[in-house]
Each structure stands twice: as C-alpha cells, then as structure tokens.
Amino acid sequence: MTSEIEKRRHPRITADWPVIVLASRQSIGGTVKNISISGASIYCLTDPGLDEPFRIVIKAPPREQALIVTAEPTWARTSNGTGNISSCEIGVRFSRYSSGDLHFLFKAVIDHLKST
C-alpha cells in the first residue's frame, strides 16, 4: 500500500460554503468543499471551462461580508452523473485577496484545527 505525501504548504479545512465563480462570460454557483489560506476545492454543477484567472465570491459563515478572491485554476475534474446531470470540481490557487479576507481565512483554519 502506498501513502500519499501531502504537498500543500498550508493546511486545509473541510467546508460547505456557497460560492459564485465569476468567469469572463458567465457566473456559476457552487460550493467550497475545502479551503486554506492559499487555495480551495470548489464543486459546481457546470464546468466553467476556466483557463485564466477569475474572481470568486465566497459566503463563509459566520462572516456577514463575502470574501472576494482572485484565483487561478490548478486542476479540474468533471464527471457524468445520472441522466444529463454532470458535475465539476475545480482546484484553485488564490492570487489576490484583501488583508481582511486573509486574516479571516487564517483564523477559520486555525480555529477548525484546534477544535479537531
């Protein structure tokens, strides 16, 4: 049995946060499945077909103000579900966010890790 070596620089936490992916020609709703201060995994029902930086708006409870982050796609997986329903998971690397958003993410990760 082989073990996977964690290559990420920052720890990730599981999440279930609503997100809107703002691509150049479309806006797509989805869910953040896991997140760190440097990136996230986003689940969408539609593949946004991203190959350039884009913005995402994340509603992370309990914060009232949404996080607005510029991100770069690092990988994507699509799968065909039942009927005509497909899904997409996108790995993103954050390239620009405010210092307030960074502080919130850092605190959310630390608090989650302390509670587990």
Protein backbone atom coordinates (compact mmCIF):
# COMPACT_ATOMS: atom_id res chain seq x y z
CA MET A 1 0.00 0.00 0.00
CA THR A 2 1.36 3.41 -0.94
CA SER A 3 0.80 6.53 1.08
CA GLU A 4 0.19 9.92 -0.41
CA ILE A 5 2.53 12.64 0.73
CA GLU A 6 0.83 15.97 1.43
CA LYS A 7 2.37 18.55 -0.88
CA ARG A 8 0.36 21.57 0.22
CA ARG A 9 2.12 24.42 2.01
CA HIS A 10 -0.88 25.27 4.17
CA PRO A 11 -3.38 23.04 5.98
CA ARG A 12 -6.89 22.79 4.53
CA ILE A 13 -10.17 22.51 6.33
CA THR A 14 -13.40 20.98 5.11
CA ALA A 15 -16.13 23.50 4.33
CA ASP A 16 -19.60 23.72 2.90
CA TRP A 17 -19.62 27.39 1.89
CA PRO A 18 -21.63 28.83 -1.01
CA VAL A 19 -19.52 30.35 -3.79
CA ILE A 20 -20.07 32.18 -7.06
CA VAL A 21 -17.42 31.74 -9.75
CA LEU A 22 -17.24 34.91 -11.86
CA ALA A 23 -15.78 33.82 -15.19
CA SER A 24 -15.43 36.24 -18.10
CA ARG A 25 -18.65 35.12 -19.83
CA GLN A 26 -20.69 33.55 -17.02
CA SER A 27 -21.38 33.33 -13.31
CA ILE A 28 -21.67 29.86 -11.82
CA GLY A 29 -22.85 28.89 -8.35
CA GLY A 30 -21.09 26.20 -6.39
CA THR A 31 -19.78 25.08 -3.03
CA VAL A 32 -16.35 25.35 -1.44
CA LYS A 33 -15.54 21.81 -0.25
CA ASN A 34 -12.19 22.54 1.37
CA ILE A 35 -10.12 25.69 1.79
CA SER A 36 -6.80 27.02 3.07
CA ILE A 37 -5.23 30.46 3.05
CA SER A 38 -3.73 29.69 -0.36
CA GLY A 39 -6.45 27.84 -2.27
CA ALA A 40 -9.66 25.84 -2.35
CA SER A 41 -11.56 23.00 -3.95
CA ILE A 42 -14.86 24.13 -5.50
CA TYR A 43 -17.73 21.88 -6.56
CA CYS A 44 -20.04 23.12 -9.37
CA LEU A 45 -22.81 21.52 -11.42
CA THR A 46 -21.48 23.25 -14.54
CA ASP A 47 -17.90 23.18 -15.78
CA PRO A 48 -16.87 26.82 -16.16
CA GLY A 49 -14.04 25.82 -18.51
CA LEU A 50 -11.56 28.14 -16.84
CA ASP A 51 -8.02 28.59 -18.09
CA GLU A 52 -7.22 32.09 -16.84
CA PRO A 53 -7.51 33.95 -13.51
CA PHE A 54 -11.05 34.66 -12.35
CA ARG A 55 -12.84 36.01 -9.29
CA ILE A 56 -14.80 34.06 -6.75
CA VAL A 57 -17.22 35.31 -4.12
CA ILE A 58 -17.36 33.10 -1.03
CA LYS A 59 -20.03 33.35 1.67
CA ALA A 60 -18.20 32.00 4.69
CA PRO A 61 -20.26 31.84 7.87
CA PRO A 62 -20.39 33.44 10.35
CA ARG A 63 -18.93 36.39 8.46
CA GLU A 64 -21.58 38.71 7.01
CA GLN A 65 -19.36 40.19 4.29
CA ALA A 66 -18.42 37.85 1.46
CA LEU A 67 -14.81 37.02 0.69
CA ILE A 68 -13.86 38.24 -2.80
CA VAL A 69 -10.79 36.48 -4.13
CA THR A 70 -8.92 36.37 -7.42
CA ALA A 71 -7.95 32.76 -8.17
CA GLU A 72 -6.12 30.72 -10.77
CA PRO A 73 -7.29 27.24 -11.76
CA THR A 74 -4.80 24.47 -10.98
CA TRP A 75 -6.85 21.38 -11.91
CA ALA A 76 -10.39 20.34 -12.81
CA ARG A 77 -12.33 17.06 -12.78
CA THR A 78 -15.67 16.52 -14.44
CA SER A 79 -17.97 13.58 -14.02
CA ASN A 80 -21.21 12.49 -15.61
CA GLY A 81 -23.95 11.71 -13.14
CA THR A 82 -27.40 10.30 -13.56
CA GLY A 83 -29.25 11.47 -16.67
CA ASN A 84 -27.93 14.70 -18.12
CA ILE A 85 -26.54 15.95 -14.81
CA SER A 86 -22.79 16.36 -14.64
CA SER A 87 -20.56 17.93 -12.04
CA CYS A 88 -17.20 19.60 -11.86
CA GLU A 89 -14.64 20.03 -9.12
CA ILE A 90 -12.03 22.76 -9.55
CA GLY A 91 -8.83 23.25 -7.59
CA VAL A 92 -7.83 26.90 -7.33
CA ARG A 93 -4.85 28.85 -6.04
CA PHE A 94 -5.62 32.26 -4.59
CA SER A 95 -3.61 35.02 -6.23
CA ARG A 96 -5.17 38.16 -4.74
CA TYR A 97 -7.33 38.96 -1.72
CA SER A 98 -7.63 41.68 0.88
CA SER A 99 -5.71 41.54 4.15
CA GLY A 100 -9.08 41.27 5.97
CA ASP A 101 -10.02 38.21 3.89
CA LEU A 102 -6.61 36.64 4.57
CA HIS A 103 -7.00 37.26 8.30
CA PHE A 104 -10.47 35.67 8.29
CA LEU A 105 -9.24 32.56 6.42
CA PHE A 106 -6.21 32.19 8.67
CA LYS A 107 -8.39 32.40 11.80
CA ALA A 108 -11.01 30.00 10.36
CA VAL A 109 -8.33 27.39 9.59
CA ILE A 110 -6.63 27.74 12.97
CA ASP A 111 -9.93 27.58 14.89
CA HIS A 112 -11.03 24.50 12.96
CA LEU A 113 -7.73 22.71 13.52
CA LYS A 114 -7.86 23.48 17.26
CA SER A 115 -11.37 22.01 17.51
CA THR A 116 -10.48 18.69 15.83
